[in-house]
PDB file of N, CA and C in Angstrom:
ATOM      1  N   MET A   1       0.844  -1.176   0.000  1.00  0.00           N
ATOM      2  CA  MET A   1       0.000   0.000   0.000  1.00  0.00           C
ATOM      3  C   MET A   1       0.894   1.246   0.000  1.00  0.00           C
ATOM      4  N   GLU A   2       0.494   2.249  -0.770  1.00  0.00           N
ATOM      5  CA  GLU A   2       1.288   3.485  -0.884  1.00  0.00           C
ATOM      6  C   GLU A   2       0.927   4.510   0.186  1.00  0.00           C
ATOM      7  N   PHE A   3       1.959   5.212   0.660  1.00  0.00           N
ATOM      8  CA  PHE A   3       1.812   6.336   1.593  1.00  0.00           C
ATOM      9  C   PHE A   3       2.807   7.423   1.157  1.00  0.00           C
ATOM     10  N   PRO A   4       2.525   8.124   0.052  1.00  0.00           N
ATOM     11  CA  PRO A   4       3.487   9.108  -0.452  1.00  0.00           C
ATOM     12  C   PRO A   4       3.895  10.130   0.614  1.00  0.00           C
ATOM     13  N   ASN A   5       5.199  10.369   0.709  1.00  0.00           N
ATOM     14  CA  ASN A   5       5.758  11.262   1.727  1.00  0.00           C
ATOM     15  C   ASN A   5       5.448  12.728   1.482  1.00  0.00           C
ATOM     16  N   ASP A   6       5.135  13.113   0.245  1.00  0.00           N
ATOM     17  CA  ASP A   6       4.914  14.528  -0.064  1.00  0.00           C
ATOM     18  C   ASP A   6       3.480  14.982   0.201  1.00  0.00           C
ATOM     19  N   LEU A   7       2.655  14.107   0.773  1.00  0.00           N
ATOM     20  CA  LEU A   7       1.265  14.432   1.071  1.00  0.00           C
ATOM     21  C   LEU A   7       1.047  14.547   2.567  1.00  0.00           C
ATOM     22  N   LYS A   8      -0.046  15.215   2.944  1.00  0.00           N
ATOM     23  CA  LYS A   8      -0.524  15.236   4.322  1.00  0.00           C
ATOM     24  C   LYS A   8      -1.828  14.437   4.343  1.00  0.00           C
ATOM     25  N   TYR A   9      -2.133  13.831   5.491  1.00  0.00           N
ATOM     26  CA  TYR A   9      -3.276  12.927   5.595  1.00  0.00           C
ATOM     27  C   TYR A   9      -4.174  13.312   6.760  1.00  0.00           C
ATOM     28  N   SER A  10      -5.480  13.076   6.584  1.00  0.00           N
ATOM     29  CA  SER A  10      -6.415  13.282   7.691  1.00  0.00           C
ATOM     30  C   SER A  10      -6.754  11.920   8.293  1.00  0.00           C
ATOM     31  N   LYS A  11      -7.236  11.944   9.520  1.00  0.00           N
ATOM     32  CA  LYS A  11      -7.670  10.706  10.172  1.00  0.00           C
ATOM     33  C   LYS A  11      -8.905  10.140   9.487  1.00  0.00           C
ATOM     34  N   GLU A  12      -9.580  10.958   8.683  1.00  0.00           N
ATOM     35  CA  GLU A  12     -10.771  10.529   7.944  1.00  0.00           C
ATOM     36  C   GLU A  12     -10.420  10.007   6.552  1.00  0.00           C
ATOM     37  N   HIS A  13      -9.120   9.746   6.313  1.00  0.00           N
ATOM     38  CA  HIS A  13      -8.638   9.054   5.115  1.00  0.00           C
ATOM     39  C   HIS A  13      -8.681   9.867   3.825  1.00  0.00           C
ATOM     40  N   THR A  14      -8.507  11.182   3.955  1.00  0.00           N
ATOM     41  CA  THR A  14      -8.276  12.001   2.770  1.00  0.00           C
ATOM     42  C   THR A  14      -6.810  12.428   2.775  1.00  0.00           C
ATOM     43  N   TRP A  15      -6.291  12.719   1.599  1.00  0.00           N
ATOM     44  CA  TRP A  15      -4.938  13.253   1.476  1.00  0.00           C
ATOM     45  C   TRP A  15      -5.020  14.618   0.818  1.00  0.00           C
ATOM     46  N   ILE A  16      -3.974  15.413   1.047  1.00  0.00           N
ATOM     47  CA  ILE A  16      -3.894  16.714   0.400  1.00  0.00           C
ATOM     48  C   ILE A  16      -2.468  16.942  -0.065  1.00  0.00           C
ATOM     49  N   SER A  17      -2.365  17.428  -1.278  1.00  0.00           N
ATOM     50  CA  SER A  17      -1.101  17.851  -1.873  1.00  0.00           C
ATOM     51  C   SER A  17      -1.159  19.367  -1.973  1.00  0.00           C
ATOM     52  N   ILE A  18      -0.088  20.026  -1.560  1.00  0.00           N
ATOM     53  CA  ILE A  18      -0.098  21.494  -1.526  1.00  0.00           C
ATOM     54  C   ILE A  18       0.888  22.062  -2.531  1.00  0.00           C
ATOM     55  N   GLN A  19       0.408  23.011  -3.330  1.00  0.00           N
ATOM     56  CA  GLN A  19       1.269  23.768  -4.233  1.00  0.00           C
ATOM     57  C   GLN A  19       0.852  25.224  -4.113  1.00  0.00           C
ATOM     58  N   ASP A  20       1.749  26.032  -3.570  1.00  0.00           N
ATOM     59  CA  ASP A  20       1.445  27.424  -3.241  1.00  0.00           C
ATOM     60  C   ASP A  20       0.257  27.451  -2.275  1.00  0.00           C
ATOM     61  N   ASN A  21      -0.842  28.078  -2.646  1.00  0.00           N
ATOM     62  CA  ASN A  21      -2.013  28.154  -1.768  1.00  0.00           C
ATOM     63  C   ASN A  21      -3.151  27.255  -2.265  1.00  0.00           C
ATOM     64  N   THR A  22      -2.811  26.302  -3.156  1.00  0.00           N
ATOM     65  CA  THR A  22      -3.800  25.394  -3.722  1.00  0.00           C
ATOM     66  C   THR A  22      -3.577  23.988  -3.177  1.00  0.00           C
ATOM     67  N   GLY A  23      -4.674  23.369  -2.755  1.00  0.00           N
ATOM     68  CA  GLY A  23      -4.619  21.999  -2.284  1.00  0.00           C
ATOM     69  C   GLY A  23      -5.400  21.086  -3.203  1.00  0.00           C
ATOM     70  N   THR A  24      -4.795  19.964  -3.556  1.00  0.00           N
ATOM     71  CA  THR A  24      -5.488  18.915  -4.305  1.00  0.00           C
ATOM     72  C   THR A  24      -5.826  17.820  -3.300  1.00  0.00           C
ATOM     73  N   ILE A  25      -7.079  17.378  -3.287  1.00  0.00           N
ATOM     74  CA  ILE A  25      -7.567  16.451  -2.274  1.00  0.00           C
ATOM     75  C   ILE A  25      -8.109  15.188  -2.924  1.00  0.00           C
ATOM     76  N   GLY A  26      -7.809  14.065  -2.300  1.00  0.00           N
ATOM     77  CA  GLY A  26      -8.336  12.777  -2.740  1.00  0.00           C
ATOM     78  C   GLY A  26      -8.514  11.871  -1.544  1.00  0.00           C
ATOM     79  N   ILE A  27      -8.947  10.630  -1.790  1.00  0.00           N
ATOM     80  CA  ILE A  27      -9.009   9.671  -0.695  1.00  0.00           C
ATOM     81  C   ILE A  27      -7.814   8.742  -0.808  1.00  0.00           C
ATOM     82  N   THR A  28      -7.409   8.202   0.309  1.00  0.00           N
ATOM     83  CA  THR A  28      -6.193   7.394   0.357  1.00  0.00           C
ATOM     84  C   THR A  28      -6.408   6.020  -0.263  1.00  0.00           C
ATOM     85  N   GLU A  29      -5.313   5.386  -0.574  1.00  0.00           N
ATOM     86  CA  GLU A  29      -5.359   4.029  -1.105  1.00  0.00           C
ATOM     87  C   GLU A  29      -6.013   3.093  -0.082  1.00  0.00           C
ATOM     88  N   PHE A  30      -5.700   3.312   1.195  1.00  0.00           N
ATOM     89  CA  PHE A  30      -6.320   2.511   2.253  1.00  0.00           C
ATOM     90  C   PHE A  30      -7.845   2.648   2.209  1.00  0.00           C
ATOM     91  N   ALA A  31      -8.343   3.883   2.128  1.00  0.00           N
ATOM     92  CA  ALA A  31      -9.785   4.131   2.130  1.00  0.00           C
ATOM     93  C   ALA A  31     -10.470   3.472   0.944  1.00  0.00           C
ATOM     94  N   GLN A  32      -9.912   3.644  -0.239  1.00  0.00           N
ATOM     95  CA  GLN A  32     -10.579   3.066  -1.406  1.00  0.00           C
ATOM     96  C   GLN A  32     -10.534   1.535  -1.361  1.00  0.00           C
ATOM     97  N   SER A  33      -9.481   0.961  -0.788  1.00  0.00           N
ATOM     98  CA  SER A  33      -9.416  -0.503  -0.695  1.00  0.00           C
ATOM     99  C   SER A  33     -10.455  -1.030   0.303  1.00  0.00           C
ATOM    100  N   GLU A  34     -10.729  -0.269   1.358  1.00  0.00           N
ATOM    101  CA  GLU A  34     -11.750  -0.656   2.336  1.00  0.00           C
ATOM    102  C   GLU A  34     -13.163  -0.542   1.747  1.00  0.00           C
ATOM    103  N   LEU A  35     -13.377   0.459   0.900  1.00  0.00           N
ATOM    104  CA  LEU A  35     -14.700   0.687   0.322  1.00  0.00           C
ATOM    105  C   LEU A  35     -15.045  -0.310  -0.782  1.00  0.00           C
ATOM    106  N   GLY A  36     -14.050  -0.720  -1.530  1.00  0.00           N
ATOM    107  CA  GLY A  36     -14.305  -1.561  -2.690  1.00  0.00           C
ATOM    108  C   GLY A  36     -14.504  -0.703  -3.926  1.00  0.00           C
ATOM    109  N   GLU A  37     -15.068  -1.280  -4.967  1.00  0.00           N
ATOM    110  CA  GLU A  37     -15.217  -0.562  -6.234  1.00  0.00           C
ATOM    111  C   GLU A  37     -16.135   0.649  -6.093  1.00  0.00           C
ATOM    112  N   ILE A  38     -15.592   1.810  -6.406  1.00  0.00           N
ATOM    113  CA  ILE A  38     -16.350   3.054  -6.314  1.00  0.00           C
ATOM    114  C   ILE A  38     -17.096   3.282  -7.626  1.00  0.00           C
ATOM    115  N   VAL A  39     -18.412   3.511  -7.500  1.00  0.00           N
ATOM    116  CA  VAL A  39     -19.263   3.643  -8.684  1.00  0.00           C
ATOM    117  C   VAL A  39     -19.760   5.070  -8.905  1.00  0.00           C
ATOM    118  N   TYR A  40     -19.582   5.949  -7.887  1.00  0.00           N
ATOM    119  CA  TYR A  40     -20.079   7.319  -8.036  1.00  0.00           C
ATOM    120  C   TYR A  40     -19.389   8.224  -7.022  1.00  0.00           C
ATOM    121  N   ALA A  41     -19.080   9.445  -7.446  1.00  0.00           N
ATOM    122  CA  ALA A  41     -18.526  10.460  -6.544  1.00  0.00           C
ATOM    123  C   ALA A  41     -19.440  11.678  -6.569  1.00  0.00           C
ATOM    124  N   ASN A  42     -19.937  12.063  -5.409  1.00  0.00           N
ATOM    125  CA  ASN A  42     -20.787  13.244  -5.262  1.00  0.00           C
ATOM    126  C   ASN A  42     -19.892  14.373  -4.754  1.00  0.00           C
ATOM    127  N   LEU A  43     -19.562  15.310  -5.636  1.00  0.00           N
ATOM    128  CA  LEU A  43     -18.613  16.372  -5.307  1.00  0.00           C
ATOM    129  C   LEU A  43     -19.296  17.735  -5.329  1.00  0.00           C
ATOM    130  N   PRO A  44     -18.773  18.697  -4.563  1.00  0.00           N
ATOM    131  CA  PRO A  44     -19.405  20.021  -4.480  1.00  0.00           C
ATOM    132  C   PRO A  44     -19.160  20.865  -5.727  1.00  0.00           C
ATOM    133  N   ASN A  45     -19.954  21.902  -5.859  1.00  0.00           N
ATOM    134  CA  ASN A  45     -19.792  22.844  -6.963  1.00  0.00           C
ATOM    135  C   ASN A  45     -18.642  23.808  -6.686  1.00  0.00           C
ATOM    136  N   ILE A  46     -18.054  24.301  -7.751  1.00  0.00           N
ATOM    137  CA  ILE A  46     -17.005  25.315  -7.649  1.00  0.00           C
ATOM    138  C   ILE A  46     -17.575  26.545  -6.962  1.00  0.00           C
ATOM    139  N   GLY A  47     -16.775  27.136  -6.070  1.00  0.00           N
ATOM    140  CA  GLY A  47     -17.191  28.331  -5.359  1.00  0.00           C
ATOM    141  C   GLY A  47     -17.670  28.077  -3.940  1.00  0.00           C
ATOM    142  N   TYR A  48     -18.057  26.830  -3.635  1.00  0.00           N
ATOM    143  CA  TYR A  48     -18.485  26.510  -2.279  1.00  0.00           C
ATOM    144  C   TYR A  48     -17.281  26.487  -1.349  1.00  0.00           C
ATOM    145  N   SER A  49     -17.502  26.905  -0.100  1.00  0.00           N
ATOM    146  CA  SER A  49     -16.453  26.898   0.914  1.00  0.00           C
ATOM    147  C   SER A  49     -16.808  25.920   2.018  1.00  0.00           C
ATOM    148  N   PHE A  50     -15.776  25.289   2.582  1.00  0.00           N
ATOM    149  CA  PHE A  50     -15.949  24.316   3.649  1.00  0.00           C
ATOM    150  C   PHE A  50     -14.899  24.550   4.727  1.00  0.00           C
ATOM    151  N   GLN A  51     -15.279  24.227   5.962  1.00  0.00           N
ATOM    152  CA  GLN A  51     -14.362  24.305   7.089  1.00  0.00           C
ATOM    153  C   GLN A  51     -13.644  22.971   7.246  1.00  0.00           C
ATOM    154  N   GLN A  52     -12.506  23.003   7.926  1.00  0.00           N
ATOM    155  CA  GLN A  52     -11.769  21.778   8.214  1.00  0.00           C
ATOM    156  C   GLN A  52     -12.693  20.781   8.925  1.00  0.00           C
ATOM    157  N   ASP A  53     -12.632  19.521   8.516  1.00  0.00           N
ATOM    158  CA  ASP A  53     -13.405  18.399   9.063  1.00  0.00           C
ATOM    159  C   ASP A  53     -14.888  18.404   8.673  1.00  0.00           C
ATOM    160  N   GLU A  54     -15.322  19.365   7.852  1.00  0.00           N
ATOM    161  CA  GLU A  54     -16.710  19.396   7.382  1.00  0.00           C
ATOM    162  C   GLU A  54     -16.876  18.420   6.216  1.00  0.00           C
ATOM    163  N   VAL A  55     -18.054  17.801   6.104  1.00  0.00           N
ATOM    164  CA  VAL A  55     -18.348  16.910   4.980  1.00  0.00           C
ATOM    165  C   VAL A  55     -18.488  17.745   3.713  1.00  0.00           C
ATOM    166  N   PHE A  56     -17.739  17.368   2.660  1.00  0.00           N
ATOM    167  CA  PHE A  56     -17.826  18.121   1.408  1.00  0.00           C
ATOM    168  C   PHE A  56     -18.400  17.309   0.259  1.00  0.00           C
ATOM    169  N   GLY A  57     -18.660  16.042   0.486  1.00  0.00           N
ATOM    170  CA  GLY A  57     -19.209  15.196  -0.559  1.00  0.00           C
ATOM    171  C   GLY A  57     -19.251  13.761  -0.081  1.00  0.00           C
ATOM    172  N   SER A  58     -19.407  12.843  -1.031  1.00  0.00           N
ATOM    173  CA  SER A  58     -19.429  11.423  -0.680  1.00  0.00           C
ATOM    174  C   SER A  58     -18.991  10.600  -1.878  1.00  0.00           C
ATOM    175  N   VAL A  59     -18.583   9.377  -1.582  1.00  0.00           N
ATOM    176  CA  VAL A  59     -18.319   8.400  -2.639  1.00  0.00           C
ATOM    177  C   VAL A  59     -19.205   7.192  -2.376  1.00  0.00           C
ATOM    178  N   GLU A  60     -19.710   6.638  -3.456  1.00  0.00           N
ATOM    179  CA  GLU A  60     -20.595   5.488  -3.356  1.00  0.00           C
ATOM    180  C   GLU A  60     -19.884   4.276  -3.934  1.00  0.00           C
ATOM    181  N   ALA A  61     -19.787   3.250  -3.124  1.00  0.00           N
ATOM    182  CA  ALA A  61     -19.227   1.982  -3.581  1.00  0.00           C
ATOM    183  C   ALA A  61     -20.383   1.022  -3.823  1.00  0.00           C
ATOM    184  N   VAL A  62     -20.078  -0.178  -4.286  1.00  0.00           N
ATOM    185  CA  VAL A  62     -21.120  -1.137  -4.611  1.00  0.00           C
ATOM    186  C   VAL A  62     -22.028  -1.404  -3.408  1.00  0.00           C
ATOM    187  N   LYS A  63     -21.440  -1.480  -2.195  1.00  0.00           N
ATOM    188  CA  LYS A  63     -22.234  -1.859  -1.023  1.00  0.00           C
ATOM    189  C   LYS A  63     -22.394  -0.767   0.029  1.00  0.00           C
ATOM    190  N   THR A  64     -21.802   0.416  -0.166  1.00  0.00           N
ATOM    191  CA  THR A  64     -21.864   1.443   0.884  1.00  0.00           C
ATOM    192  C   THR A  64     -21.653   2.839   0.317  1.00  0.00           C
ATOM    193  N   VAL A  65     -22.008   3.835   1.112  1.00  0.00           N
ATOM    194  CA  VAL A  65     -21.732   5.237   0.796  1.00  0.00           C
ATOM    195  C   VAL A  65     -20.883   5.781   1.933  1.00  0.00           C
ATOM    196  N   SER A  66     -19.858   6.549   1.600  1.00  0.00           N
ATOM    197  CA  SER A  66     -18.974   7.101   2.609  1.00  0.00           C
ATOM    198  C   SER A  66     -18.833   8.611   2.427  1.00  0.00           C
ATOM    199  N   ASP A  67     -18.995   9.350   3.539  1.00  0.00           N
ATOM    200  CA  ASP A  67     -18.811  10.796   3.499  1.00  0.00           C
ATOM    201  C   ASP A  67     -17.343  11.140   3.298  1.00  0.00           C
ATOM    202  N   LEU A  68     -17.112  12.293   2.678  1.00  0.00           N
ATOM    203  CA  LEU A  68     -15.762  12.829   2.472  1.00  0.00           C
ATOM    204  C   LEU A  68     -15.599  14.047   3.373  1.00  0.00           C
ATOM    205  N   PHE A  69     -14.502  14.075   4.130  1.00  0.00           N
ATOM    206  CA  PHE A  69     -14.268  15.160   5.082  1.00  0.00           C
ATOM    207  C   PHE A  69     -13.122  16.044   4.606  1.00  0.00           C
ATOM    208  N   MET A  70     -13.324  17.349   4.699  1.00  0.00           N
ATOM    209  CA  MET A  70     -12.343  18.337   4.263  1.00  0.00           C
ATOM    210  C   MET A  70     -11.131  18.321   5.211  1.00  0.00           C
ATOM    211  N   PRO A  71      -9.925  18.091   4.668  1.00  0.00           N
ATOM    212  CA  PRO A  71      -8.744  18.069   5.536  1.00  0.00           C
ATOM    213  C   PRO A  71      -8.344  19.450   6.059  1.00  0.00           C
ATOM    214  N   VAL A  72      -8.597  20.495   5.287  1.00  0.00           N
ATOM    215  CA  VAL A  72      -8.341  21.878   5.710  1.00  0.00           C
ATOM    216  C   VAL A  72      -9.441  22.769   5.129  1.00  0.00           C
ATOM    217  N   SER A  73      -9.654  23.910   5.750  1.00  0.00           N
ATOM    218  CA  SER A  73     -10.679  24.844   5.271  1.00  0.00           C
ATOM    219  C   SER A  73     -10.278  25.427   3.916  1.00  0.00           C
ATOM    220  N   GLY A  74     -11.270  25.619   3.047  1.00  0.00           N
ATOM    221  CA  GLY A  74     -10.971  26.211   1.759  1.00  0.00           C
ATOM    222  C   GLY A  74     -12.178  26.321   0.855  1.00  0.00           C
ATOM    223  N   LYS A  75     -11.947  26.955  -0.287  1.00  0.00           N
ATOM    224  CA  LYS A  75     -12.988  27.177  -1.295  1.00  0.00           C
ATOM    225  C   LYS A  75     -12.690  26.297  -2.507  1.00  0.00           C
ATOM    226  N   ILE A  76     -13.721  25.625  -3.005  1.00  0.00           N
ATOM    227  CA  ILE A  76     -13.583  24.736  -4.161  1.00  0.00           C
ATOM    228  C   ILE A  76     -13.264  25.570  -5.402  1.00  0.00           C
ATOM    229  N   ILE A  77     -12.156  25.224  -6.075  1.00  0.00           N
ATOM    230  CA  ILE A  77     -11.798  25.913  -7.312  1.00  0.00           C
ATOM    231  C   ILE A  77     -11.845  24.981  -8.527  1.00  0.00           C
ATOM    232  N   GLU A  78     -11.905  23.660  -8.267  1.00  0.00           N
ATOM    233  CA  GLU A  78     -11.990  22.704  -9.377  1.00  0.00           C
ATOM    234  C   GLU A  78     -12.468  21.363  -8.833  1.00  0.00           C
ATOM    235  N   THR A  79     -13.275  20.665  -9.633  1.00  0.00           N
ATOM    236  CA  THR A  79     -13.641  19.285  -9.326  1.00  0.00           C
ATOM    237  C   THR A  79     -13.148  18.411 -10.473  1.00  0.00           C
ATOM    238  N   ASN A  80     -12.836  17.168 -10.157  1.00  0.00           N
ATOM    239  CA  ASN A  80     -12.295  16.251 -11.158  1.00  0.00           C
ATOM    240  C   ASN A  80     -13.420  15.729 -12.046  1.00  0.00           C
ATOM    241  N   GLN A  81     -13.555  16.311 -13.219  1.00  0.00           N
ATOM    242  CA  GLN A  81     -14.622  15.956 -14.150  1.00  0.00           C
ATOM    243  C   GLN A  81     -14.458  14.551 -14.729  1.00  0.00           C
ATOM    244  N   LEU A  82     -13.237  14.015 -14.713  1.00  0.00           N
ATOM    245  CA  LEU A  82     -13.010  12.653 -15.199  1.00  0.00           C
ATOM    246  C   LEU A  82     -13.822  11.634 -14.400  1.00  0.00           C
ATOM    247  N   LEU A  83     -14.080  11.947 -13.122  1.00  0.00           N
ATOM    248  CA  LEU A  83     -14.781  11.005 -12.248  1.00  0.00           C
ATOM    249  C   LEU A  83     -16.253  10.855 -12.614  1.00  0.00           C
ATOM    250  N   LEU A  84     -16.819  11.810 -13.348  1.00  0.00           N
ATOM    251  CA  LEU A  84     -18.203  11.686 -13.800  1.00  0.00           C
ATOM    252  C   LEU A  84     -18.364  10.495 -14.734  1.00  0.00           C
ATOM    253  N   GLU A  85     -17.379  10.308 -15.585  1.00  0.00           N
ATOM    254  CA  GLU A  85     -17.408   9.210 -16.561  1.00  0.00           C
ATOM    255  C   GLU A  85     -16.747   7.941 -16.038  1.00  0.00           C
ATOM    256  N   GLU A  86     -15.732   8.116 -15.183  1.00  0.00           N
ATOM    257  CA  GLU A  86     -14.931   6.973 -14.751  1.00  0.00           C
ATOM    258  C   GLU A  86     -14.599   7.061 -13.256  1.00  0.00           C
ATOM    259  N   PRO A  87     -15.600   6.846 -12.374  1.00  0.00           N
ATOM    260  CA  PRO A  87     -15.361   6.951 -10.934  1.00  0.00           C
ATOM    261  C   PRO A  87     -14.368   5.923 -10.407  1.00  0.00           C
ATOM    262  N   THR A  88     -14.167   4.833 -11.139  1.00  0.00           N
ATOM    263  CA  THR A  88     -13.217   3.812 -10.684  1.00  0.00           C
ATOM    264  C   THR A  88     -11.766   4.301 -10.721  1.00  0.00           C
ATOM    265  N   LEU A  89     -11.516   5.489 -11.298  1.00  0.00           N
ATOM    266  CA  LEU A  89     -10.170   6.074 -11.216  1.00  0.00           C
ATOM    267  C   LEU A  89      -9.768   6.280  -9.752  1.00  0.00           C
ATOM    268  N   ILE A  90     -10.754   6.483  -8.885  1.00  0.00           N
ATOM    269  CA  ILE A  90     -10.464   6.626  -7.454  1.00  0.00           C
ATOM    270  C   ILE A  90      -9.828   5.345  -6.935  1.00  0.00           C
ATOM    271  N   ASN A  91     -10.256   4.198  -7.461  1.00  0.00           N
ATOM    272  CA  ASN A  91      -9.663   2.916  -7.065  1.00  0.00           C
ATOM    273  C   ASN A  91      -8.317   2.678  -7.723  1.00  0.00           C
ATOM    274  N   SER A  92      -8.245   2.909  -9.022  1.00  0.00           N
ATOM    275  CA  SER A  92      -7.032   2.544  -9.764  1.00  0.00           C
ATOM    276  C   SER A  92      -5.920   3.573  -9.659  1.00  0.00           C
ATOM    277  N   GLU A  93      -6.265   4.839  -9.418  1.00  0.00           N
ATOM    278  CA  GLU A  93      -5.253   5.897  -9.356  1.00  0.00           C
ATOM    279  C   GLU A  93      -5.579   6.875  -8.220  1.00  0.00           C
ATOM    280  N   SER A  94      -5.684   6.346  -7.000  1.00  0.00           N
ATOM    281  CA  SER A  94      -6.124   7.186  -5.888  1.00  0.00           C
ATOM    282  C   SER A  94      -5.205   8.379  -5.623  1.00  0.00           C
ATOM    283  N   PHE A  95      -3.912   8.260  -5.975  1.00  0.00           N
ATOM    284  CA  PHE A  95      -2.988   9.379  -5.790  1.00  0.00           C
ATOM    285  C   PHE A  95      -2.649  10.083  -7.109  1.00  0.00           C
ATOM    286  N   GLY A  96      -3.338   9.710  -8.177  1.00  0.00           N
ATOM    287  CA  GLY A  96      -3.079  10.307  -9.483  1.00  0.00           C
ATOM    288  C   GLY A  96      -4.341  10.916 -10.053  1.00  0.00           C
ATOM    289  N   ASN A  97      -4.813  10.371 -11.177  1.00  0.00           N
ATOM    290  CA  ASN A  97      -6.008  10.894 -11.845  1.00  0.00           C
ATOM    291  C   ASN A  97      -7.295  10.697 -11.056  1.00  0.00           C
ATOM    292  N   GLY A  98      -7.236  10.001  -9.920  1.00  0.00           N
ATOM    293  CA  GLY A  98      -8.408   9.782  -9.091  1.00  0.00           C
ATOM    294  C   GLY A  98      -8.613  10.843  -8.016  1.00  0.00           C
ATOM    295  N   TRP A  99      -7.909  11.972  -8.123  1.00  0.00           N
ATOM    296  CA  TRP A  99      -8.116  13.072  -7.162  1.00  0.00           C
ATOM    297  C   TRP A  99      -9.565  13.555  -7.257  1.00  0.00           C
ATOM    298  N   LEU A 100     -10.037  14.210  -6.179  1.00  0.00           N
ATOM    299  CA  LEU A 100     -11.440  14.626  -6.113  1.00  0.00           C
ATOM    300  C   LEU A 100     -11.656  16.101  -6.413  1.00  0.00           C
ATOM    301  N   ILE A 101     -11.000  16.959  -5.619  1.00  0.00           N
ATOM    302  CA  ILE A 101     -11.222  18.408  -5.735  1.00  0.00           C
ATOM    303  C   ILE A 101      -9.922  19.167  -5.568  1.00  0.00           C
ATOM    304  N   LYS A 102      -9.936  20.415  -6.018  1.00  0.00           N
ATOM    305  CA  LYS A 102      -8.854  21.360  -5.740  1.00  0.00           C
ATOM    306  C   LYS A 102      -9.467  22.539  -5.005  1.00  0.00           C
ATOM    307  N   ILE A 103      -8.737  23.014  -3.990  1.00  0.00           N
ATOM    308  CA  ILE A 103      -9.245  24.110  -3.175  1.00  0.00           C
ATOM    309  C   ILE A 103      -8.223  25.227  -3.067  1.00  0.00           C
ATOM    310  N   GLU A 104      -8.745  26.407  -2.802  1.00  0.00           N
ATOM    311  CA  GLU A 104      -7.921  27.532  -2.376  1.00  0.00           C
ATOM    312  C   GLU A 104      -7.901  27.443  -0.853  1.00  0.00           C
ATOM    313  N   ILE A 105      -6.723  27.190  -0.289  1.00  0.00           N
ATOM    314  CA  ILE A 105      -6.597  26.976   1.148  1.00  0.00           C
ATOM    315  C   ILE A 105      -6.838  28.279   1.900  1.00  0.00           C
ATOM    316  N   LYS A 106      -7.711  28.215   2.904  1.00  0.00           N
ATOM    317  CA  LYS A 106      -8.074  29.398   3.688  1.00  0.00           C
ATOM    318  C   LYS A 106      -7.053  29.673   4.791  1.00  0.00           C
ATOM    319  N   ASP A 107      -6.608  28.623   5.492  1.00  0.00           N
ATOM    320  CA  ASP A 107      -5.708  28.783   6.643  1.00  0.00           C
ATOM    321  C   ASP A 107      -4.621  27.720   6.580  1.00  0.00           C
ATOM    322  N   ILE A 108      -3.457  28.094   6.088  1.00  0.00           N
ATOM    323  CA  ILE A 108      -2.353  27.157   5.879  1.00  0.00           C
ATOM    324  C   ILE A 108      -1.894  26.512   7.190  1.00  0.00           C
ATOM    325  N   THR A 109      -2.137  27.164   8.329  1.00  0.00           N
ATOM    326  CA  THR A 109      -1.701  26.594   9.618  1.00  0.00           C
ATOM    327  C   THR A 109      -2.494  25.338   9.987  1.00  0.00           C
ATOM    328  N   GLU A 110      -3.665  25.136   9.379  1.00  0.00           N
ATOM    329  CA  GLU A 110      -4.444  23.917   9.648  1.00  0.00           C
ATOM    330  C   GLU A 110      -3.711  22.665   9.177  1.00  0.00           C
ATOM    331  N   LEU A 111      -2.760  22.805   8.263  1.00  0.00           N
ATOM    332  CA  LEU A 111      -1.984  21.659   7.795  1.00  0.00           C
ATOM    333  C   LEU A 111      -1.215  21.008   8.938  1.00  0.00           C
ATOM    334  N   GLU A 112      -0.889  21.779   9.963  1.00  0.00           N
ATOM    335  CA  GLU A 112      -0.146  21.254  11.108  1.00  0.00           C
ATOM    336  C   GLU A 112      -0.948  20.210  11.872  1.00  0.00           C
ATOM    337  N   LYS A 113      -2.276  20.204  11.731  1.00  0.00           N
ATOM    338  CA  LYS A 113      -3.133  19.241  12.423  1.00  0.00           C
ATOM    339  C   LYS A 113      -3.221  17.910  11.681  1.00  0.00           C
ATOM    340  N   LEU A 114      -2.696  17.866  10.463  1.00  0.00           N
ATOM    341  CA  LEU A 114      -2.775  16.656   9.653  1.00  0.00           C
ATOM    342  C   LEU A 114      -1.602  15.724   9.955  1.00  0.00           C
ATOM    343  N   LEU A 115      -1.704  14.501   9.444  1.00  0.00           N
ATOM    344  CA  LEU A 115      -0.709  13.469   9.697  1.00  0.00           C
ATOM    345  C   LEU A 115       0.343  13.406   8.592  1.00  0.00           C
ATOM    346  N   THR A 116       1.555  13.004   8.971  1.00  0.00           N
ATOM    347  CA  THR A 116       2.594  12.695   7.983  1.00  0.00           C
ATOM    348  C   THR A 116       2.304  11.300   7.425  1.00  0.00           C
ATOM    349  N   SER A 117       3.028  10.903   6.400  1.00  0.00           N
ATOM    350  CA  SER A 117       2.822   9.572   5.827  1.00  0.00           C
ATOM    351  C   SER A 117       3.102   8.481   6.869  1.00  0.00           C
ATOM    352  N   ASN A 118       4.143   8.645   7.691  1.00  0.00           N
ATOM    353  CA  ASN A 118       4.453   7.651   8.722  1.00  0.00           C
ATOM    354  C   ASN A 118       3.353   7.581   9.778  1.00  0.00           C
ATOM    355  N   GLN A 119       2.835   8.715  10.193  1.00  0.00           N
ATOM    356  CA  GLN A 119       1.753   8.732  11.178  1.00  0.00           C
ATOM    357  C   GLN A 119       0.493   8.089  10.620  1.00  0.00           C
ATOM    358  N   TYR A 120       0.207   8.365   9.350  1.00  0.00           N
ATOM    359  CA  TYR A 120      -0.985   7.765   8.735  1.00  0.00           C
ATOM    360  C   TYR A 120      -0.806   6.252   8.570  1.00  0.00           C
ATOM    361  N   ARG A 121       0.392   5.823   8.186  1.00  0.00           N
ATOM    362  CA  ARG A 121       0.680   4.390   8.046  1.00  0.00           C
ATOM    363  C   ARG A 121       0.412   3.675   9.386  1.00  0.00           C
ATOM    364  N   GLU A 122       0.879   4.284  10.490  1.00  0.00           N
ATOM    365  CA  GLU A 122       0.650   3.696  11.820  1.00  0.00           C
ATOM    366  C   GLU A 122      -0.846   3.629  12.146  1.00  0.00           C
ATOM    367  N   LEU A 123      -1.590   4.664  11.778  1.00  0.00           N
ATOM    368  CA  LEU A 123      -3.026   4.710  12.027  1.00  0.00           C
ATOM    369  C   LEU A 123      -3.760   3.568  11.322  1.00  0.00           C
ATOM    370  N   THR A 124      -3.320   3.214  10.140  1.00  0.00           N
ATOM    371  CA  THR A 124      -4.038   2.227   9.326  1.00  0.00           C
ATOM    372  C   THR A 124      -3.546   0.796   9.538  1.00  0.00           C
ATOM    373  N   ASN A 125      -2.519   0.616  10.313  1.00  0.00           N
ATOM    374  CA  ASN A 125      -2.022  -0.757  10.569  1.00  0.00           C
ATOM    375  C   ASN A 125      -2.692  -1.378  11.765  1.00  0.00           C
TER     376      ASN A 125
END
């Protein structure tokens, strides 16, 4: 199982990649493996804002639906349109083309509350 070192992780199994003040968010390989085949992603519209730990959407697998929690506060600036046609990218490329949303980060200091790859690995073992 992958735990890329350049990402930050939430206890709710989302990851965030940071470039300048933009965060790209997805669900972890661990989360998608627990859910099984993902058949639908319910993502927010561009322009909506969410607080850290707030539900921003959901993913639907064959047997369950799981809420998605915002790792840091921010405003939605892009959603992954590829997932409309091919939601299984979340399973096959959870750290690549299976990303969910991009946000404008509101408070960069909230990143300090997230886990490193080693801390997240320990959480999931």
